[in-house]
Amino acid sequence: YAGFNVTMALGRFAGGLIIQRFGRAPVLRVAGTLAS
């Protein structure tokens, strides 16, 4: 459970740069697939 929350936080800190590079829609497509 701690690992789940840590990756939530780390993903958010890194997410801004990734979205700037690739765009929201592609990142969310990968994010939803990864979570599922």
Full PDB file with SEQRES, HELIX, SHEET, SSBOND, CRYST1, ORIGX, SCALE, CONECT and MASTER records, all heavy atoms in Angstrom:
SEQRES   1 A   36  TYR ALA GLY PHE ASN VAL THR MET ALA LEU GLY ARG PHE          
SEQRES   2 A   36  ALA GLY GLY LEU ILE ILE GLN ARG PHE GLY ARG ALA PRO          
SEQRES   3 A   36  VAL LEU ARG VAL ALA GLY THR LEU ALA SER                      
HELIX    1 AA1 ALA A    2  PHE A   22  1                                  21    
HELIX    2 AA2 ARG A   24  ALA A   35  1                                  12    
CRYST1    1.000    1.000    1.000  90.00  90.00  90.00 P 1           1          
ORIGX1      1.000000  0.000000  0.000000        0.00000                         
ORIGX2      0.000000  1.000000  0.000000        0.00000                         
ORIGX3      0.000000  0.000000  1.000000        0.00000                         
SCALE1      1.000000  0.000000  0.000000        0.00000                         
SCALE2      0.000000  1.000000  0.000000        0.00000                         
SCALE3      0.000000  0.000000  1.000000        0.00000                         
ATOM      1  N   TYR A   1       0.836  -1.205   0.000  1.00  0.00           N  
ATOM      2  CA  TYR A   1       0.000   0.000   0.000  1.00  0.00           C  
ATOM      3  C   TYR A   1       0.873   1.258   0.000  1.00  0.00           C  
ATOM      4  O   TYR A   1       0.580   2.230  -0.700  1.00  0.00           O  
ATOM      5  CB  TYR A   1      -0.919  -0.014   1.223  1.00  0.00           C  
ATOM      6  CG  TYR A   1      -1.719   1.253   1.393  1.00  0.00           C  
ATOM      7  CD1 TYR A   1      -2.673   1.619   0.455  1.00  0.00           C  
ATOM      8  CD2 TYR A   1      -1.517   2.087   2.481  1.00  0.00           C  
ATOM      9  CE1 TYR A   1      -3.413   2.783   0.598  1.00  0.00           C  
ATOM     10  CE2 TYR A   1      -2.240   3.249   2.639  1.00  0.00           C  
ATOM     11  CZ  TYR A   1      -3.192   3.589   1.693  1.00  0.00           C  
ATOM     12  OH  TYR A   1      -3.908   4.740   1.837  1.00  0.00           O  
ATOM     13  N   ALA A   2       1.966   1.237   0.770  1.00  0.00           N  
ATOM     14  CA  ALA A   2       2.881   2.376   0.775  1.00  0.00           C  
ATOM     15  C   ALA A   2       3.495   2.570  -0.611  1.00  0.00           C  
ATOM     16  O   ALA A   2       3.641   3.700  -1.088  1.00  0.00           O  
ATOM     17  CB  ALA A   2       3.978   2.165   1.815  1.00  0.00           C  
ATOM     18  N   GLY A   3       3.841   1.456  -1.266  1.00  0.00           N  
ATOM     19  CA  GLY A   3       4.398   1.550  -2.608  1.00  0.00           C  
ATOM     20  C   GLY A   3       3.427   2.173  -3.585  1.00  0.00           C  
ATOM     21  O   GLY A   3       3.820   2.970  -4.451  1.00  0.00           O  
ATOM     22  N   PHE A   4       2.152   1.842  -3.452  1.00  0.00           N  
ATOM     23  CA  PHE A   4       1.116   2.452  -4.301  1.00  0.00           C  
ATOM     24  C   PHE A   4       1.124   3.966  -4.143  1.00  0.00           C  
ATOM     25  O   PHE A   4       1.111   4.711  -5.130  1.00  0.00           O  
ATOM     26  CB  PHE A   4      -0.251   1.882  -3.918  1.00  0.00           C  
ATOM     27  CG  PHE A   4      -1.416   2.601  -4.549  1.00  0.00           C  
ATOM     28  CD1 PHE A   4      -1.852   2.265  -5.810  1.00  0.00           C  
ATOM     29  CD2 PHE A   4      -2.070   3.621  -3.863  1.00  0.00           C  
ATOM     30  CE1 PHE A   4      -2.917   2.942  -6.403  1.00  0.00           C  
ATOM     31  CE2 PHE A   4      -3.140   4.297  -4.439  1.00  0.00           C  
ATOM     32  CZ  PHE A   4      -3.564   3.945  -5.714  1.00  0.00           C  
ATOM     33  N   ASN A   5       1.168   4.450  -2.906  1.00  0.00           N  
ATOM     34  CA  ASN A   5       1.113   5.890  -2.664  1.00  0.00           C  
ATOM     35  C   ASN A   5       2.401   6.602  -3.066  1.00  0.00           C  
ATOM     36  O   ASN A   5       2.368   7.738  -3.548  1.00  0.00           O  
ATOM     37  CB  ASN A   5       0.794   6.152  -1.190  1.00  0.00           C  
ATOM     38  CG  ASN A   5      -0.675   5.950  -0.881  1.00  0.00           C  
ATOM     39  OD1 ASN A   5      -1.511   6.783  -1.177  1.00  0.00           O  
ATOM     40  ND2 ASN A   5      -0.998   4.811  -0.284  1.00  0.00           N  
ATOM     41  N   VAL A   6       3.539   5.935  -2.884  1.00  0.00           N  
ATOM     42  CA  VAL A   6       4.803   6.536  -3.289  1.00  0.00           C  
ATOM     43  C   VAL A   6       4.835   6.729  -4.805  1.00  0.00           C  
ATOM     44  O   VAL A   6       5.241   7.781  -5.311  1.00  0.00           O  
ATOM     45  CB  VAL A   6       5.987   5.677  -2.813  1.00  0.00           C  
ATOM     46  CG1 VAL A   6       7.281   6.133  -3.487  1.00  0.00           C  
ATOM     47  CG2 VAL A   6       6.140   5.766  -1.302  1.00  0.00           C  
ATOM     48  N   THR A   7       4.415   5.704  -5.550  1.00  0.00           N  
ATOM     49  CA  THR A   7       4.414   5.850  -7.007  1.00  0.00           C  
ATOM     50  C   THR A   7       3.390   6.884  -7.465  1.00  0.00           C  
ATOM     51  O   THR A   7       3.592   7.545  -8.486  1.00  0.00           O  
ATOM     52  CB  THR A   7       4.130   4.509  -7.696  1.00  0.00           C  
ATOM     53  OG1 THR A   7       2.915   3.931  -7.173  1.00  0.00           O  
ATOM     54  CG2 THR A   7       5.275   3.533  -7.482  1.00  0.00           C  
ATOM     55  N   MET A   8       2.298   7.031  -6.720  1.00  0.00           N  
ATOM     56  CA  MET A   8       1.340   8.099  -7.034  1.00  0.00           C  
ATOM     57  C   MET A   8       2.028   9.457  -6.959  1.00  0.00           C  
ATOM     58  O   MET A   8       1.903  10.302  -7.860  1.00  0.00           O  
ATOM     59  CB  MET A   8       0.170   8.056  -6.053  1.00  0.00           C  
ATOM     60  CG  MET A   8      -0.854   6.979  -6.319  1.00  0.00           C  
ATOM     61  SD  MET A   8      -2.016   7.392  -7.640  1.00  0.00           S  
ATOM     62  CE  MET A   8      -2.911   8.738  -6.874  1.00  0.00           C  
ATOM     63  N   ALA A   9       2.763   9.686  -5.873  1.00  0.00           N  
ATOM     64  CA  ALA A   9       3.430  10.976  -5.696  1.00  0.00           C  
ATOM     65  C   ALA A   9       4.531  11.180  -6.726  1.00  0.00           C  
ATOM     66  O   ALA A   9       4.633  12.237  -7.357  1.00  0.00           O  
ATOM     67  CB  ALA A   9       3.995  11.072  -4.278  1.00  0.00           C  
ATOM     68  N   LEU A  10       5.380  10.163  -6.913  1.00  0.00           N  
ATOM     69  CA  LEU A  10       6.480  10.295  -7.865  1.00  0.00           C  
ATOM     70  C   LEU A  10       5.968  10.485  -9.285  1.00  0.00           C  
ATOM     71  O   LEU A  10       6.526  11.265 -10.069  1.00  0.00           O  
ATOM     72  CB  LEU A  10       7.382   9.056  -7.786  1.00  0.00           C  
ATOM     73  CG  LEU A  10       8.150   8.858  -6.480  1.00  0.00           C  
ATOM     74  CD1 LEU A  10       8.971   7.582  -6.529  1.00  0.00           C  
ATOM     75  CD2 LEU A  10       9.039  10.055  -6.189  1.00  0.00           C  
ATOM     76  N   GLY A  11       4.895   9.770  -9.627  1.00  0.00           N  
ATOM     77  CA  GLY A  11       4.318   9.911 -10.958  1.00  0.00           C  
ATOM     78  C   GLY A  11       3.810  11.315 -11.203  1.00  0.00           C  
ATOM     79  O   GLY A  11       3.922  11.849 -12.318  1.00  0.00           O  
ATOM     80  N   ARG A  12       3.276  11.944 -10.175  1.00  0.00           N  
ATOM     81  CA  ARG A  12       2.776  13.308 -10.337  1.00  0.00           C  
ATOM     82  C   ARG A  12       3.919  14.307 -10.483  1.00  0.00           C  
ATOM     83  O   ARG A  12       3.827  15.257 -11.264  1.00  0.00           O  
ATOM     84  CB  ARG A  12       1.875  13.670  -9.152  1.00  0.00           C  
ATOM     85  CG  ARG A  12       0.517  13.006  -9.257  1.00  0.00           C  
ATOM     86  CD  ARG A  12      -0.350  13.185  -8.041  1.00  0.00           C  
ATOM     87  NE  ARG A  12      -1.710  12.725  -8.323  1.00  0.00           N  
ATOM     88  CZ  ARG A  12      -2.662  12.592  -7.420  1.00  0.00           C  
ATOM     89  NH1 ARG A  12      -2.407  12.884  -6.143  1.00  0.00           N  
ATOM     90  NH2 ARG A  12      -3.862  12.176  -7.755  1.00  0.00           N  
ATOM     91  N   PHE A  13       4.998  14.102  -9.755  1.00  0.00           N  
ATOM     92  CA  PHE A  13       6.118  15.027  -9.879  1.00  0.00           C  
ATOM     93  C   PHE A  13       6.794  14.911 -11.240  1.00  0.00           C  
ATOM     94  O   PHE A  13       7.299  15.901 -11.767  1.00  0.00           O  
ATOM     95  CB  PHE A  13       7.126  14.795  -8.755  1.00  0.00           C  
ATOM     96  CG  PHE A  13       6.769  15.492  -7.483  1.00  0.00           C  
ATOM     97  CD1 PHE A  13       6.222  14.800  -6.422  1.00  0.00           C  
ATOM     98  CD2 PHE A  13       6.956  16.853  -7.351  1.00  0.00           C  
ATOM     99  CE1 PHE A  13       5.872  15.443  -5.240  1.00  0.00           C  
ATOM    100  CE2 PHE A  13       6.613  17.518  -6.178  1.00  0.00           C  
ATOM    101  CZ  PHE A  13       6.065  16.812  -5.119  1.00  0.00           C  
ATOM    102  N   ALA A  14       6.810  13.717 -11.801  1.00  0.00           N  
ATOM    103  CA  ALA A  14       7.427  13.535 -13.118  1.00  0.00           C  
ATOM    104  C   ALA A  14       6.437  13.764 -14.254  1.00  0.00           C  
ATOM    105  O   ALA A  14       6.844  13.988 -15.395  1.00  0.00           O  
ATOM    106  CB  ALA A  14       8.014  12.125 -13.223  1.00  0.00           C  
ATOM    107  N   GLY A  15       5.151  13.710 -13.932  1.00  0.00           N  
ATOM    108  CA  GLY A  15       4.132  13.730 -14.979  1.00  0.00           C  
ATOM    109  C   GLY A  15       4.087  15.007 -15.794  1.00  0.00           C  
ATOM    110  O   GLY A  15       3.800  14.976 -16.999  1.00  0.00           O  
ATOM    111  N   GLY A  16       4.358  16.141 -15.153  1.00  0.00           N  
ATOM    112  CA  GLY A  16       4.283  17.409 -15.876  1.00  0.00           C  
ATOM    113  C   GLY A  16       5.232  17.449 -17.062  1.00  0.00           C  
ATOM    114  O   GLY A  16       4.850  17.824 -18.181  1.00  0.00           O  
ATOM    115  N   LEU A  17       6.484  17.061 -16.848  1.00  0.00           N  
ATOM    116  CA  LEU A  17       7.469  17.065 -17.923  1.00  0.00           C  
ATOM    117  C   LEU A  17       7.097  16.069 -19.011  1.00  0.00           C  
ATOM    118  O   LEU A  17       7.287  16.342 -20.211  1.00  0.00           O  
ATOM    119  CB  LEU A  17       8.849  16.741 -17.361  1.00  0.00           C  
ATOM    120  CG  LEU A  17       9.462  17.780 -16.409  1.00  0.00           C  
ATOM    121  CD1 LEU A  17      10.789  17.284 -15.859  1.00  0.00           C  
ATOM    122  CD2 LEU A  17       9.647  19.111 -17.129  1.00  0.00           C  
ATOM    123  N   ILE A  18       6.566  14.918 -18.621  1.00  0.00           N  
ATOM    124  CA  ILE A  18       6.201  13.904 -19.609  1.00  0.00           C  
ATOM    125  C   ILE A  18       5.032  14.385 -20.469  1.00  0.00           C  
ATOM    126  O   ILE A  18       5.030  14.219 -21.698  1.00  0.00           O  
ATOM    127  CB  ILE A  18       5.839  12.578 -18.899  1.00  0.00           C  
ATOM    128  CG1 ILE A  18       7.074  12.025 -18.175  1.00  0.00           C  
ATOM    129  CG2 ILE A  18       5.311  11.550 -19.895  1.00  0.00           C  
ATOM    130  CD1 ILE A  18       6.794  10.821 -17.320  1.00  0.00           C  
ATOM    131  N   ILE A  19       4.051  15.019 -19.834  1.00  0.00           N  
ATOM    132  CA  ILE A  19       2.907  15.534 -20.588  1.00  0.00           C  
ATOM    133  C   ILE A  19       3.331  16.659 -21.521  1.00  0.00           C  
ATOM    134  O   ILE A  19       2.853  16.757 -22.657  1.00  0.00           O  
ATOM    135  CB  ILE A  19       1.799  15.985 -19.625  1.00  0.00           C  
ATOM    136  CG1 ILE A  19       1.195  14.772 -18.908  1.00  0.00           C  
ATOM    137  CG2 ILE A  19       0.694  16.743 -20.372  1.00  0.00           C  
ATOM    138  CD1 ILE A  19       0.240  15.122 -17.796  1.00  0.00           C  
ATOM    139  N   GLN A  20       4.228  17.527 -21.064  1.00  0.00           N  
ATOM    140  CA  GLN A  20       4.736  18.584 -21.932  1.00  0.00           C  
ATOM    141  C   GLN A  20       5.430  18.005 -23.162  1.00  0.00           C  
ATOM    142  O   GLN A  20       5.343  18.568 -24.258  1.00  0.00           O  
ATOM    143  CB  GLN A  20       5.721  19.468 -21.162  1.00  0.00           C  
ATOM    144  CG  GLN A  20       5.052  20.501 -20.285  1.00  0.00           C  
ATOM    145  CD  GLN A  20       6.052  21.404 -19.598  1.00  0.00           C  
ATOM    146  OE1 GLN A  20       5.749  21.964 -18.570  1.00  0.00           O  
ATOM    147  NE2 GLN A  20       7.233  21.563 -20.160  1.00  0.00           N  
ATOM    148  N   ARG A  21       6.076  16.890 -22.978  1.00  0.00           N  
ATOM    149  CA  ARG A  21       6.833  16.300 -24.087  1.00  0.00           C  
ATOM    150  C   ARG A  21       5.921  15.549 -25.059  1.00  0.00           C  
ATOM    151  O   ARG A  21       6.082  15.658 -26.279  1.00  0.00           O  
ATOM    152  CB  ARG A  21       7.888  15.335 -23.524  1.00  0.00           C  
ATOM    153  CG  ARG A  21       8.713  14.606 -24.581  1.00  0.00           C  
ATOM    154  CD  ARG A  21       9.574  15.581 -25.350  1.00  0.00           C  
ATOM    155  NE  ARG A  21      10.382  14.906 -26.355  1.00  0.00           N  
ATOM    156  CZ  ARG A  21       9.953  14.587 -27.588  1.00  0.00           C  
ATOM    157  NH1 ARG A  21       8.709  14.890 -27.940  1.00  0.00           N  
ATOM    158  NH2 ARG A  21      10.762  13.972 -28.425  1.00  0.00           N  
ATOM    159  N   PHE A  22       4.939  14.813 -24.549  1.00  0.00           N  
ATOM    160  CA  PHE A  22       4.153  13.936 -25.413  1.00  0.00           C  
ATOM    161  C   PHE A  22       2.686  14.339 -25.552  1.00  0.00           C  
ATOM    162  O   PHE A  22       2.000  13.846 -26.451  1.00  0.00           O  
ATOM    163  CB  PHE A  22       4.223  12.491 -24.888  1.00  0.00           C  
ATOM    164  CG  PHE A  22       5.608  11.924 -24.878  1.00  0.00           C  
ATOM    165  CD1 PHE A  22       6.323  11.838 -23.689  1.00  0.00           C  
ATOM    166  CD2 PHE A  22       6.210  11.498 -26.048  1.00  0.00           C  
ATOM    167  CE1 PHE A  22       7.607  11.310 -23.678  1.00  0.00           C  
ATOM    168  CE2 PHE A  22       7.495  10.975 -26.037  1.00  0.00           C  
ATOM    169  CZ  PHE A  22       8.197  10.887 -24.849  1.00  0.00           C  
ATOM    170  N   GLY A  23       2.182  15.203 -24.682  1.00  0.00           N  
ATOM    171  CA  GLY A  23       0.787  15.601 -24.751  1.00  0.00           C  
ATOM    172  C   GLY A  23      -0.079  14.801 -23.795  1.00  0.00           C  
ATOM    173  O   GLY A  23       0.250  13.665 -23.424  1.00  0.00           O  
ATOM    174  N   ARG A  24      -1.220  15.402 -23.398  1.00  0.00           N  
ATOM    175  CA  ARG A  24      -2.086  14.767 -22.393  1.00  0.00           C  
ATOM    176  C   ARG A  24      -2.697  13.463 -22.878  1.00  0.00           C  
ATOM    177  O   ARG A  24      -2.700  12.456 -22.167  1.00  0.00           O  
ATOM    178  CB  ARG A  24      -3.189  15.722 -21.961  1.00  0.00           C  
ATOM    179  CG  ARG A  24      -2.826  16.627 -20.812  1.00  0.00           C  
ATOM    180  CD  ARG A  24      -4.051  17.189 -20.119  1.00  0.00           C  
ATOM    181  NE  ARG A  24      -4.914  17.898 -21.027  1.00  0.00           N  
ATOM    182  CZ  ARG A  24      -4.945  19.226 -21.172  1.00  0.00           C  
ATOM    183  NH1 ARG A  24      -4.128  19.982 -20.457  1.00  0.00           N  
ATOM    184  NH2 ARG A  24      -5.770  19.803 -22.007  1.00  0.00           N  
ATOM    185  N   ALA A  25      -3.283  13.470 -24.095  1.00  0.00           N  
ATOM    186  CA  ALA A  25      -4.007  12.285 -24.556  1.00  0.00           C  
ATOM    187  C   ALA A  25      -3.113  11.051 -24.652  1.00  0.00           C  
ATOM    188  O   ALA A  25      -3.481   9.980 -24.127  1.00  0.00           O  
ATOM    189  CB  ALA A  25      -4.693  12.581 -25.895  1.00  0.00           C  
ATOM    190  N   PRO A  26      -1.936  11.119 -25.283  1.00  0.00           N  
ATOM    191  CA  PRO A  26      -1.078   9.929 -25.316  1.00  0.00           C  
ATOM    192  C   PRO A  26      -0.657   9.446 -23.932  1.00  0.00           C  
ATOM    193  O   PRO A  26      -0.618   8.238 -23.669  1.00  0.00           O  
ATOM    194  CB  PRO A  26       0.131  10.392 -26.139  1.00  0.00           C  
ATOM    195  CG  PRO A  26      -0.368  11.522 -26.962  1.00  0.00           C  
ATOM    196  CD  PRO A  26      -1.379  12.218 -26.094  1.00  0.00           C  
ATOM    197  N   VAL A  27      -0.340  10.400 -23.039  1.00  0.00           N  
ATOM    198  CA  VAL A  27       0.083  10.006 -21.696  1.00  0.00           C  
ATOM    199  C   VAL A  27      -1.066   9.329 -20.946  1.00  0.00           C  
ATOM    200  O   VAL A  27      -0.868   8.306 -20.278  1.00  0.00           O  
ATOM    201  CB  VAL A  27       0.606  11.225 -20.914  1.00  0.00           C  
ATOM    202  CG1 VAL A  27       0.835  10.870 -19.445  1.00  0.00           C  
ATOM    203  CG2 VAL A  27       1.905  11.739 -21.527  1.00  0.00           C  
ATOM    204  N   LEU A  28      -2.279   9.866 -21.055  1.00  0.00           N  
ATOM    205  CA  LEU A  28      -3.415   9.259 -20.368  1.00  0.00           C  
ATOM    206  C   LEU A  28      -3.759   7.892 -20.964  1.00  0.00           C  
ATOM    207  O   LEU A  28      -4.211   6.995 -20.250  1.00  0.00           O  
ATOM    208  CB  LEU A  28      -4.631  10.178 -20.440  1.00  0.00           C  
ATOM    209  CG  LEU A  28      -4.550  11.464 -19.619  1.00  0.00           C  
ATOM    210  CD1 LEU A  28      -5.881  12.204 -19.649  1.00  0.00           C  
ATOM    211  CD2 LEU A  28      -4.142  11.182 -18.182  1.00  0.00           C  
ATOM    212  N   ARG A  29      -3.559   7.743 -22.252  1.00  0.00           N  
ATOM    213  CA  ARG A  29      -3.812   6.435 -22.868  1.00  0.00           C  
ATOM    214  C   ARG A  29      -2.877   5.379 -22.270  1.00  0.00           C  
ATOM    215  O   ARG A  29      -3.311   4.276 -21.909  1.00  0.00           O  
ATOM    216  CB  ARG A  29      -3.635   6.533 -24.380  1.00  0.00           C  
ATOM    217  CG  ARG A  29      -4.113   5.293 -25.130  1.00  0.00           C  
ATOM    218  CD  ARG A  29      -3.975   5.466 -26.636  1.00  0.00           C  
ATOM    219  NE  ARG A  29      -4.881   6.510 -27.121  1.00  0.00           N  
ATOM    220  CZ  ARG A  29      -4.486   7.665 -27.626  1.00  0.00           C  
ATOM    221  NH1 ARG A  29      -3.197   7.956 -27.694  1.00  0.00           N  
ATOM    222  NH2 ARG A  29      -5.360   8.546 -28.066  1.00  0.00           N  
ATOM    223  N   VAL A  30      -1.605   5.729 -22.158  1.00  0.00           N  
ATOM    224  CA  VAL A  30      -0.639   4.805 -21.558  1.00  0.00           C  
ATOM    225  C   VAL A  30      -0.929   4.615 -20.069  1.00  0.00           C  
ATOM    226  O   VAL A  30      -0.853   3.496 -19.542  1.00  0.00           O  
ATOM    227  CB  VAL A  30       0.796   5.328 -21.771  1.00  0.00           C  
ATOM    228  CG1 VAL A  30       1.799   4.471 -21.002  1.00  0.00           C  
ATOM    229  CG2 VAL A  30       1.139   5.346 -23.253  1.00  0.00           C  
ATOM    230  N   ALA A  31      -1.286   5.712 -19.383  1.00  0.00           N  
ATOM    231  CA  ALA A  31      -1.534   5.644 -17.935  1.00  0.00           C  
ATOM    232  C   ALA A  31      -2.705   4.724 -17.620  1.00  0.00           C  
ATOM    233  O   ALA A  31      -2.625   3.886 -16.708  1.00  0.00           O  
ATOM    234  CB  ALA A  31      -1.799   7.045 -17.396  1.00  0.00           C  
ATOM    235  N   GLY A  32      -3.806   4.869 -18.360  1.00  0.00           N  
ATOM    236  CA  GLY A  32      -4.960   4.008 -18.120  1.00  0.00           C  
ATOM    237  C   GLY A  32      -4.654   2.551 -18.390  1.00  0.00           C  
ATOM    238  O   GLY A  32      -5.075   1.657 -17.642  1.00  0.00           O  
ATOM    239  N   THR A  33      -3.920   2.289 -19.464  1.00  0.00           N  
ATOM    240  CA  THR A  33      -3.545   0.912 -19.792  1.00  0.00           C  
ATOM    241  C   THR A  33      -2.629   0.329 -18.728  1.00  0.00           C  
ATOM    242  O   THR A  33      -2.782  -0.835 -18.319  1.00  0.00           O  
ATOM    243  CB  THR A  33      -2.847   0.872 -21.161  1.00  0.00           C  
ATOM    244  OG1 THR A  33      -3.711   1.438 -22.156  1.00  0.00           O  
ATOM    245  CG2 THR A  33      -2.503  -0.555 -21.552  1.00  0.00           C  
ATOM    246  N   LEU A  34      -1.670   1.131 -18.255  1.00  0.00           N  
ATOM    247  CA  LEU A  34      -0.740   0.667 -17.219  1.00  0.00           C  
ATOM    248  C   LEU A  34      -1.474   0.337 -15.928  1.00  0.00           C  
ATOM    249  O   LEU A  34      -1.234  -0.711 -15.311  1.00  0.00           O  
ATOM    250  CB  LEU A  34       0.322   1.732 -16.966  1.00  0.00           C  
ATOM    251  CG  LEU A  34       1.356   1.427 -15.871  1.00  0.00           C  
ATOM    252  CD1 LEU A  34       2.190   0.210 -16.246  1.00  0.00           C  
ATOM    253  CD2 LEU A  34       2.261   2.639 -15.630  1.00  0.00           C  
ATOM    254  N   ALA A  35      -2.370   1.227 -15.504  1.00  0.00           N  
ATOM    255  CA  ALA A  35      -3.107   0.989 -14.260  1.00  0.00           C  
ATOM    256  C   ALA A  35      -3.984  -0.247 -14.376  1.00  0.00           C  
ATOM    257  O   ALA A  35      -4.030  -1.084 -13.464  1.00  0.00           O  
ATOM    258  CB  ALA A  35      -3.952   2.214 -13.921  1.00  0.00           C  
ATOM    259  N   SER A  36      -4.688  -0.376 -15.489  1.00  0.00           N  
ATOM    260  CA  SER A  36      -5.560  -1.536 -15.680  1.00  0.00           C  
ATOM    261  C   SER A  36      -4.759  -2.833 -15.691  1.00  0.00           C  
ATOM    262  O   SER A  36      -5.154  -3.832 -15.065  1.00  0.00           O  
ATOM    263  CB  SER A  36      -6.339  -1.384 -16.988  1.00  0.00           C  
ATOM    264  OG  SER A  36      -7.192  -2.491 -17.199  1.00  0.00           O  
TER     265      SER A  36                                                      
MASTER        0    0    0    2    0    0    0    6  264    1    0    3          
END                                                                             
